[in-house]
Protein backbone atom coordinates (compact mmCIF):
# COMPACT_ATOMS: atom_id res chain seq x y z
CA MET A 1 68.33 93.80 16.07
CA PRO A 2 70.14 91.32 13.39
CA ALA A 3 67.54 88.79 10.89
CA HIS A 4 66.40 85.73 12.27
CA LYS A 5 68.37 83.81 9.93
CA HIS A 6 65.22 81.48 8.64
CA ALA A 7 63.23 85.06 8.33
CA VAL A 8 61.29 85.47 5.11
CA SER A 9 63.41 88.10 3.65
CA VAL A 10 65.02 88.64 0.23
CA GLU A 11 66.98 91.27 1.38
CA ASN A 12 70.27 91.56 -0.72
CA LYS A 13 69.64 88.32 -2.22
CA VAL A 14 70.95 88.30 -5.52
CA ILE A 15 68.18 87.11 -7.74
CA LEU A 16 67.99 86.37 -11.38
CA LEU A 17 64.69 86.17 -13.00
CA THR A 18 63.88 84.12 -16.47
CA GLY A 19 60.86 85.74 -18.85
CA ALA A 20 61.02 88.81 -16.66
CA PHE A 21 59.43 91.45 -18.54
CA GLY A 22 55.68 89.56 -19.40
CA LEU A 23 52.75 89.23 -17.28
CA ILE A 24 54.43 87.67 -14.22
CA GLY A 25 58.14 88.31 -14.80
CA ARG A 26 57.62 91.97 -14.33
CA GLU A 27 55.51 91.71 -11.20
CA VAL A 28 57.32 89.03 -9.61
CA GLY A 29 60.64 90.81 -10.59
CA ARG A 30 59.58 94.69 -8.79
CA SER A 31 57.80 92.11 -5.75
CA LEU A 32 61.43 91.75 -4.77
CA LEU A 33 62.90 94.09 -5.47
CA GLU A 34 60.90 96.52 -3.19
CA HIS A 35 61.75 93.79 -0.76
CA GLY A 36 65.08 94.41 -1.11
CA ALA A 37 66.27 92.04 -3.44
CA ARG A 38 69.25 91.96 -6.44
CA VAL A 39 67.42 91.81 -9.10
CA ILE A 40 68.96 90.96 -12.52
CA MET A 41 65.67 90.84 -14.94
CA ALA A 42 66.46 89.13 -17.80
CA ASP A 43 64.20 88.70 -21.36
CA VAL A 44 64.39 87.83 -24.94
CA ASN A 45 62.36 90.58 -25.64
CA GLN A 46 64.84 92.69 -26.64
CA ALA A 47 62.25 95.48 -27.77
CA ALA A 48 61.04 95.90 -24.26
CA LEU A 49 64.24 96.51 -22.54
CA PRO A 50 64.51 99.93 -22.74
CA GLY A 51 61.19 100.64 -21.55
CA VAL A 52 61.44 98.34 -19.02
CA ARG A 53 64.78 99.84 -17.29
CA GLU A 54 62.84 103.44 -17.75
CA GLU A 55 60.81 101.86 -15.58
CA LEU A 56 63.20 100.09 -12.38
CA ALA A 57 65.40 103.33 -12.76
CA ALA A 58 62.42 105.43 -11.47
CA GLN A 59 61.37 103.02 -9.15
CA PHE A 60 64.71 101.77 -7.33
CA PRO A 61 68.62 102.82 -5.98
CA GLU A 62 70.43 101.51 -10.07
CA ASN A 63 72.22 99.50 -7.98
CA ALA A 64 69.18 97.65 -6.97
CA PHE A 65 69.05 96.01 -10.54
CA LEU A 66 70.15 94.85 -13.94
CA ALA A 67 67.95 94.75 -16.69
CA VAL A 68 69.48 92.27 -19.89
CA PRO A 69 68.59 90.26 -23.00
CA LEU A 70 68.27 86.69 -22.97
CA ASP A 71 67.93 83.29 -25.00
CA ILE A 72 67.24 80.59 -23.47
CA THR A 73 68.04 78.83 -26.25
CA ASN A 74 71.75 79.95 -26.82
CA GLU A 75 74.77 78.67 -25.07
CA ALA A 76 75.78 82.38 -25.82
CA SER A 77 73.44 84.21 -24.55
CA ILE A 78 72.90 82.76 -21.22
CA ALA A 79 76.26 82.66 -20.18
CA ASP A 80 76.78 86.90 -21.62
CA CYS A 81 74.08 87.25 -18.51
CA MET A 82 75.87 85.65 -16.33
CA ALA A 83 78.73 86.48 -16.78
CA ALA A 84 77.12 90.34 -16.43
CA ALA A 85 75.38 88.94 -13.37
CA VAL A 86 78.17 87.89 -11.57
CA ALA A 87 80.13 91.38 -12.35
CA ARG A 88 77.35 93.52 -11.47
CA PHE A 89 76.65 91.22 -7.93
CA GLY A 90 79.27 88.59 -7.28
CA ARG A 91 77.40 86.56 -7.15
CA VAL A 92 73.78 84.35 -8.25
CA ASP A 93 71.76 82.86 -5.00
CA VAL A 94 68.42 82.66 -6.47
CA LEU A 95 67.30 81.13 -10.27
CA ILE A 96 64.10 81.83 -11.08
CA ASN A 97 62.92 79.94 -14.11
CA ASN A 98 60.39 81.40 -15.43
CA ALA A 99 60.42 82.07 -19.56
CA ALA A 100 58.11 80.47 -20.95
CA ILE A 101 55.86 79.85 -24.36
CA ASP A 102 52.51 79.57 -23.17
CA ALA A 103 49.09 80.15 -24.79
CA LYS A 104 47.22 82.64 -24.07
CA PHE A 105 44.00 83.50 -23.77
CA ASP A 106 43.74 87.38 -22.62
CA LYS A 107 42.01 89.68 -25.12
CA HIS A 108 45.13 90.47 -26.47
CA HIS A 109 46.62 86.98 -27.13
CA GLN A 110 44.10 84.84 -27.75
CA ASP A 111 43.55 85.31 -32.02
CA ALA A 112 47.94 84.71 -31.80
CA VAL A 113 46.74 80.92 -30.43
CA ASN A 114 46.19 77.69 -32.38
CA ALA A 115 42.92 77.07 -33.00
CA SER A 116 43.88 73.14 -34.23
CA ARG A 117 42.27 70.35 -32.62
CA PHE A 118 45.33 67.56 -31.09
CA GLU A 119 45.32 65.47 -34.44
CA GLN A 120 46.31 67.84 -36.58
CA TYR A 121 48.22 70.37 -34.23
CA PRO A 122 51.47 71.65 -36.03
CA ILE A 123 54.59 69.43 -35.09
CA GLU A 124 57.06 72.73 -35.23
CA LEU A 125 54.85 74.13 -33.33
CA LEU A 126 55.70 71.85 -30.10
CA GLN A 127 58.84 71.36 -31.04
CA LYS A 128 59.25 75.35 -30.26
CA SER A 129 58.10 74.78 -27.44
CA ILE A 130 60.11 71.74 -26.67
CA GLU A 131 63.34 74.02 -27.27
CA VAL A 132 62.29 76.84 -24.91
CA ASN A 133 59.91 75.21 -21.74
CA LEU A 134 62.22 72.36 -21.29
CA THR A 135 65.89 71.98 -23.38
CA GLY A 136 66.18 76.29 -22.30
CA THR A 137 65.30 75.94 -18.66
CA VAL A 138 67.60 72.57 -18.59
CA ARG A 139 70.71 75.22 -20.41
CA ILE A 140 70.06 78.18 -17.41
CA THR A 141 69.75 75.74 -15.03
CA GLN A 142 72.72 74.00 -16.06
CA ALA A 143 74.53 78.21 -16.14
CA ALA A 144 73.04 78.65 -12.75
CA CYS A 145 73.95 75.17 -11.28
CA ARG A 146 77.66 75.77 -11.87
CA GLN A 147 77.88 79.46 -10.74
CA MET A 148 76.16 78.16 -7.69
CA LEU A 149 78.23 75.05 -6.89
CA ALA A 150 81.22 77.69 -7.06
CA GLN A 151 79.60 79.62 -5.03
CA GLY A 152 78.78 76.53 -2.53
CA SER A 153 75.21 77.20 -2.29
CA GLY A 154 72.19 78.41 -4.44
CA ASN A 155 67.98 78.59 -4.78
CA ILE A 156 66.43 77.19 -7.98
CA ILE A 157 62.17 78.08 -8.25
CA ASN A 158 61.55 76.74 -11.36
CA VAL A 159 57.45 77.78 -12.35
CA ALA A 160 55.34 74.78 -13.45
CA SER A 161 51.45 75.00 -14.10
CA THR A 162 48.58 73.36 -12.64
CA TYR A 163 48.77 71.50 -16.78
CA SER A 164 51.90 69.91 -15.51
CA LEU A 165 49.20 68.45 -12.68
CA VAL A 166 46.07 67.56 -14.55
CA ALA A 167 44.68 68.22 -17.91
CA PRO A 168 43.47 71.58 -18.97
CA ASN A 169 39.45 71.45 -19.44
CA GLN A 170 38.83 72.30 -22.34
CA GLY A 171 35.71 73.46 -21.54
CA LEU A 172 36.90 76.20 -20.33
CA TYR A 173 37.34 77.31 -24.10
CA ASP A 174 34.11 76.64 -24.71
CA TYR A 175 31.66 79.79 -24.24
CA GLY A 176 28.26 78.39 -26.13
CA ASP A 177 28.37 81.47 -28.33
CA GLY A 178 28.39 79.24 -31.50
CA GLU A 179 32.41 81.04 -32.11
CA PRO A 180 34.87 78.73 -32.88
CA ILE A 181 36.79 76.62 -30.24
CA ARG A 182 39.97 77.34 -29.31
CA TYR A 183 42.56 74.85 -27.12
CA LYS A 184 44.73 74.95 -24.98
CA PRO A 185 47.15 73.25 -26.88
CA VAL A 186 49.57 70.01 -25.87
CA ASP A 187 52.50 71.85 -26.47
CA TYR A 188 52.17 73.75 -22.99
CA ILE A 189 51.01 70.64 -21.57
CA ALA A 190 53.92 68.71 -22.54
CA THR A 191 56.41 70.61 -21.87
CA LYS A 192 54.83 71.95 -18.21
CA SER A 193 54.34 68.62 -17.30
CA PHE A 194 58.31 67.76 -17.81
CA ILE A 195 58.86 70.77 -14.60
CA PRO A 196 57.87 69.32 -11.27
CA ASN A 197 59.47 65.69 -12.15
CA PHE A 198 62.91 68.10 -13.01
CA THR A 199 62.66 70.04 -10.32
CA ARG A 200 62.94 66.86 -7.56
CA TYR A 201 65.80 66.08 -10.19
CA ILE A 202 68.41 69.30 -9.15
CA ALA A 203 67.34 68.81 -5.29
CA THR A 204 67.53 65.39 -5.14
CA PHE A 205 70.72 65.68 -7.70
CA TYR A 206 72.73 68.59 -5.69
CA ALA A 207 71.00 68.63 -1.41
CA LYS A 208 74.71 67.75 -0.87
CA GLU A 209 76.14 70.94 -2.44
CA GLY A 210 73.89 73.89 -0.85
CA ILE A 211 71.56 73.62 -3.84
CA ARG A 212 67.83 73.69 -3.02
CA CYS A 213 65.30 73.76 -5.82
CA ASN A 214 60.93 73.59 -5.70
CA ALA A 215 58.54 74.45 -8.44
CA ILE A 216 55.32 76.80 -8.28
CA VAL A 217 52.10 75.63 -9.83
CA PRO A 218 50.07 79.32 -10.85
CA HIS A 219 47.07 79.33 -12.73
CA GLY A 220 44.81 81.35 -13.93
CA ILE A 221 46.23 85.21 -14.47
CA TYR A 222 44.16 87.69 -14.74
CA ASN A 223 45.29 89.72 -17.63
CA ASP A 224 42.40 91.81 -19.04
CA HIS A 225 40.23 88.66 -19.86
CA GLU A 226 36.94 88.26 -21.69
CA GLU A 227 33.89 88.18 -19.69
CA LYS A 228 32.20 84.78 -20.86
CA PHE A 229 36.05 83.34 -20.14
CA LEU A 230 35.94 84.97 -16.27
CA ARG A 231 32.64 83.45 -16.18
CA ASN A 232 34.03 80.15 -17.38
CA PHE A 233 36.96 80.20 -15.10
CA SER A 234 34.91 81.09 -11.99
CA LYS A 235 32.30 77.87 -12.49
CA TYR A 236 34.88 75.90 -12.43
CA SER A 237 37.54 77.14 -10.03
CA PRO A 238 37.25 76.52 -6.11
CA LEU A 239 37.92 80.44 -5.88
CA GLY A 240 35.37 81.30 -8.14
CA ARG A 241 38.32 83.71 -9.69
CA MET A 242 41.48 84.28 -11.33
CA CYS A 243 44.40 85.40 -9.03
CA ASP A 244 45.60 89.02 -9.17
CA ARG A 245 49.52 89.22 -10.52
CA SER A 246 50.43 90.04 -6.50
CA GLU A 247 49.02 86.69 -5.01
CA LEU A 248 52.06 85.74 -6.59
CA ASN A 249 53.96 87.38 -4.63
CA GLY A 250 54.38 86.07 -1.19
CA PRO A 251 54.92 82.57 -3.00
CA PHE A 252 58.02 84.03 -4.37
CA VAL A 253 59.56 85.69 -1.67
CA PHE A 254 59.23 82.52 1.01
CA LEU A 255 60.78 80.56 -1.13
CA ALA A 256 63.85 82.41 -2.13
CA SER A 257 64.02 83.60 1.61
CA ASP A 258 65.76 81.20 3.77
CA ALA A 259 61.73 80.61 5.67
CA SER A 260 61.80 77.78 3.09
CA SER A 261 65.61 76.59 3.67
CA TYR A 262 63.94 73.10 4.38
CA MET A 263 61.88 72.70 1.42
CA THR A 264 63.80 71.14 -1.52
CA GLY A 265 61.61 69.23 -4.26
CA SER A 266 58.95 70.49 -3.06
CA VAL A 267 55.60 71.98 -5.76
CA MET A 268 53.85 74.99 -4.27
CA VAL A 269 50.76 75.28 -5.90
CA VAL A 270 49.20 78.64 -6.29
CA ASP A 271 46.53 78.18 -7.78
CA GLY A 272 42.89 78.89 -6.10
CA GLY A 273 42.34 75.31 -5.88
CA TRP A 274 42.08 74.45 -9.77
CA THR A 275 43.77 70.78 -8.91
CA ALA A 276 41.57 70.29 -6.07
CA TRP A 277 38.36 68.97 -7.37
């Protein structure tokens, strides 16, 4: 029997995933491939490219995926990525805007977090995040919309953050052990706060032209965090724990599928209840 036209299926859908070599990107990209999608794994991290290609080739047919460099702040890079996607698969059904700069607090990244309080935070770091998280997101979305208009249909999934809905609880980063306190910096909050309304803008702008746009709000993805961070997080989270990265797969597959065909302009919160209190 043929699949219902509104089934939770991404089989043979062509999905362009930005920021594809990172924590969320690799997990979601692999899940989409497991569900039968054709996935363009795109990321600015060219050093990781050979490893990603090798990893995917060991698990999936080579005609199911494309791993390419993509700098969403660079028009030529965007054009090359879109051209490669269309040349390989003929179309782009779904764009997932996952690429972003974010200050991470796991064991491997926390030393790179700028520890400045707001009043001392370097404006150049804010400007860098604006160029990637805001302007870069607009650039790649423009390119995808041009392709989707030519096709007559399309689906855009933006990746927001709980910090696009609420302010960071800076107490999360105070472990009470006398160590210097780090802060979730303003650049991420400023640029991610743009995503929900950008989602509504695109959704309403293209609603009559066959292009949908929704957003996912993830929060607290576990990645080998220190025990003191985990204790703080569990205290502030209604579910009492961080998110396993695999728990994002279902929401992404659903929004990428035709099962969400009557959803546009929506912001789907996947945060363990963090924003519920």
